[in-house]
Amino acid sequence: MLRLASLGLAALALAACATTPLPPLPPTHPASPEAPEASATPIPTGLANDEAAQKTDALLKSSAAPDANDSMSSMPGMNHP
């Protein structure tokens, strides 16, 4: 009996919520169909080329990439036959 009563009460609550009309939204509300579309902001294309970025770029270009075979030979435990 308790299950039937609680099931009926839950069904009544759901039916009451489903039939309640929603309040109208003002035109300035973002969910309103009359709301203006948001303005699109341009996406930045990258980092600014400032003095620090230029120095870093010059340092990276001036340093040579290490040879993979030479760097492994100096590591301990890497002397395999």
Protein backbone atom coordinates (compact mmCIF):
# COMPACT_ATOMS: atom_id res chain seq x y z
CA MET A 1 0.00 0.00 0.00
CA LEU A 2 2.84 2.38 0.86
CA ARG A 3 4.53 1.70 -2.51
CA LEU A 4 1.33 2.45 -4.36
CA ALA A 5 0.80 5.69 -2.44
CA SER A 6 4.39 6.89 -3.00
CA LEU A 7 4.19 5.95 -6.70
CA GLY A 8 0.96 7.92 -7.03
CA LEU A 9 2.46 10.90 -5.21
CA ALA A 10 5.53 10.85 -7.49
CA ALA A 11 3.33 10.65 -10.59
CA LEU A 12 1.21 13.54 -9.33
CA ALA A 13 4.32 15.68 -8.68
CA LEU A 14 5.72 14.95 -12.14
CA ALA A 15 2.41 15.74 -13.79
CA ALA A 16 2.17 19.02 -11.88
CA CYS A 17 5.64 20.06 -12.97
CA ALA A 18 5.01 19.11 -16.59
CA THR A 19 1.84 21.17 -16.88
CA THR A 20 3.18 24.33 -15.23
CA PRO A 21 3.85 26.95 -17.94
CA LEU A 22 7.28 28.49 -18.03
CA PRO A 23 7.58 32.23 -17.40
CA PRO A 24 8.36 34.26 -20.53
CA LEU A 25 11.98 35.30 -20.98
CA PRO A 26 12.87 38.94 -21.62
CA PRO A 27 14.54 39.65 -24.99
CA THR A 28 17.81 40.41 -23.21
CA HIS A 29 17.99 36.93 -21.63
CA PRO A 30 20.55 34.69 -23.43
CA ALA A 31 18.05 31.79 -23.69
CA SER A 32 15.40 33.93 -25.34
CA PRO A 33 14.83 33.39 -29.08
CA GLU A 34 14.74 37.17 -29.49
CA ALA A 35 18.15 37.64 -27.80
CA PRO A 36 20.86 39.15 -30.01
CA GLU A 37 23.60 36.86 -31.25
CA ALA A 38 26.87 37.01 -29.33
CA SER A 39 29.64 38.94 -31.01
CA ALA A 40 32.51 36.87 -32.34
CA THR A 41 35.92 37.88 -31.08
CA PRO A 42 38.92 37.15 -33.29
CA ILE A 43 41.11 34.30 -32.11
CA PRO A 44 44.74 35.30 -31.57
CA THR A 45 47.03 33.62 -34.10
CA GLY A 46 50.06 33.20 -31.88
CA LEU A 47 52.48 34.71 -29.45
CA ALA A 48 53.80 38.21 -29.82
CA ASN A 49 57.27 38.43 -31.32
CA ASP A 50 58.83 40.42 -28.50
CA GLU A 51 62.47 40.72 -27.45
CA ALA A 52 62.42 37.61 -25.25
CA ALA A 53 60.93 35.50 -28.04
CA GLN A 54 63.58 36.75 -30.48
CA LYS A 55 66.40 35.91 -28.04
CA THR A 56 65.00 32.44 -27.44
CA ASP A 57 64.64 31.84 -31.17
CA ALA A 58 68.24 32.94 -31.78
CA LEU A 59 69.52 30.65 -29.00
CA LEU A 60 67.61 27.68 -30.35
CA LYS A 61 68.82 28.29 -33.89
CA SER A 62 72.46 28.70 -32.80
CA SER A 63 72.61 25.50 -30.75
CA ALA A 64 73.06 22.36 -32.80
CA ALA A 65 70.96 19.28 -32.10
CA PRO A 66 73.01 16.63 -30.29
CA ASP A 67 73.83 13.46 -32.16
CA ALA A 68 71.75 10.58 -30.77
CA ASN A 69 74.66 8.12 -30.88
CA ASP A 70 77.08 10.43 -29.05
CA SER A 71 74.65 11.31 -26.27
CA MET A 72 73.89 7.65 -25.52
CA SER A 73 77.53 6.62 -25.28
CA SER A 74 78.18 8.96 -22.36
CA MET A 75 75.33 7.53 -20.27
CA PRO A 76 76.31 4.96 -17.64
CA GLY A 77 75.07 1.46 -18.35
CA MET A 78 74.63 2.09 -22.07
CA ASN A 79 77.77 0.21 -23.21
CA HIS A 80 76.14 -2.84 -24.77
CA PRO A 81 78.13 -5.31 -26.90
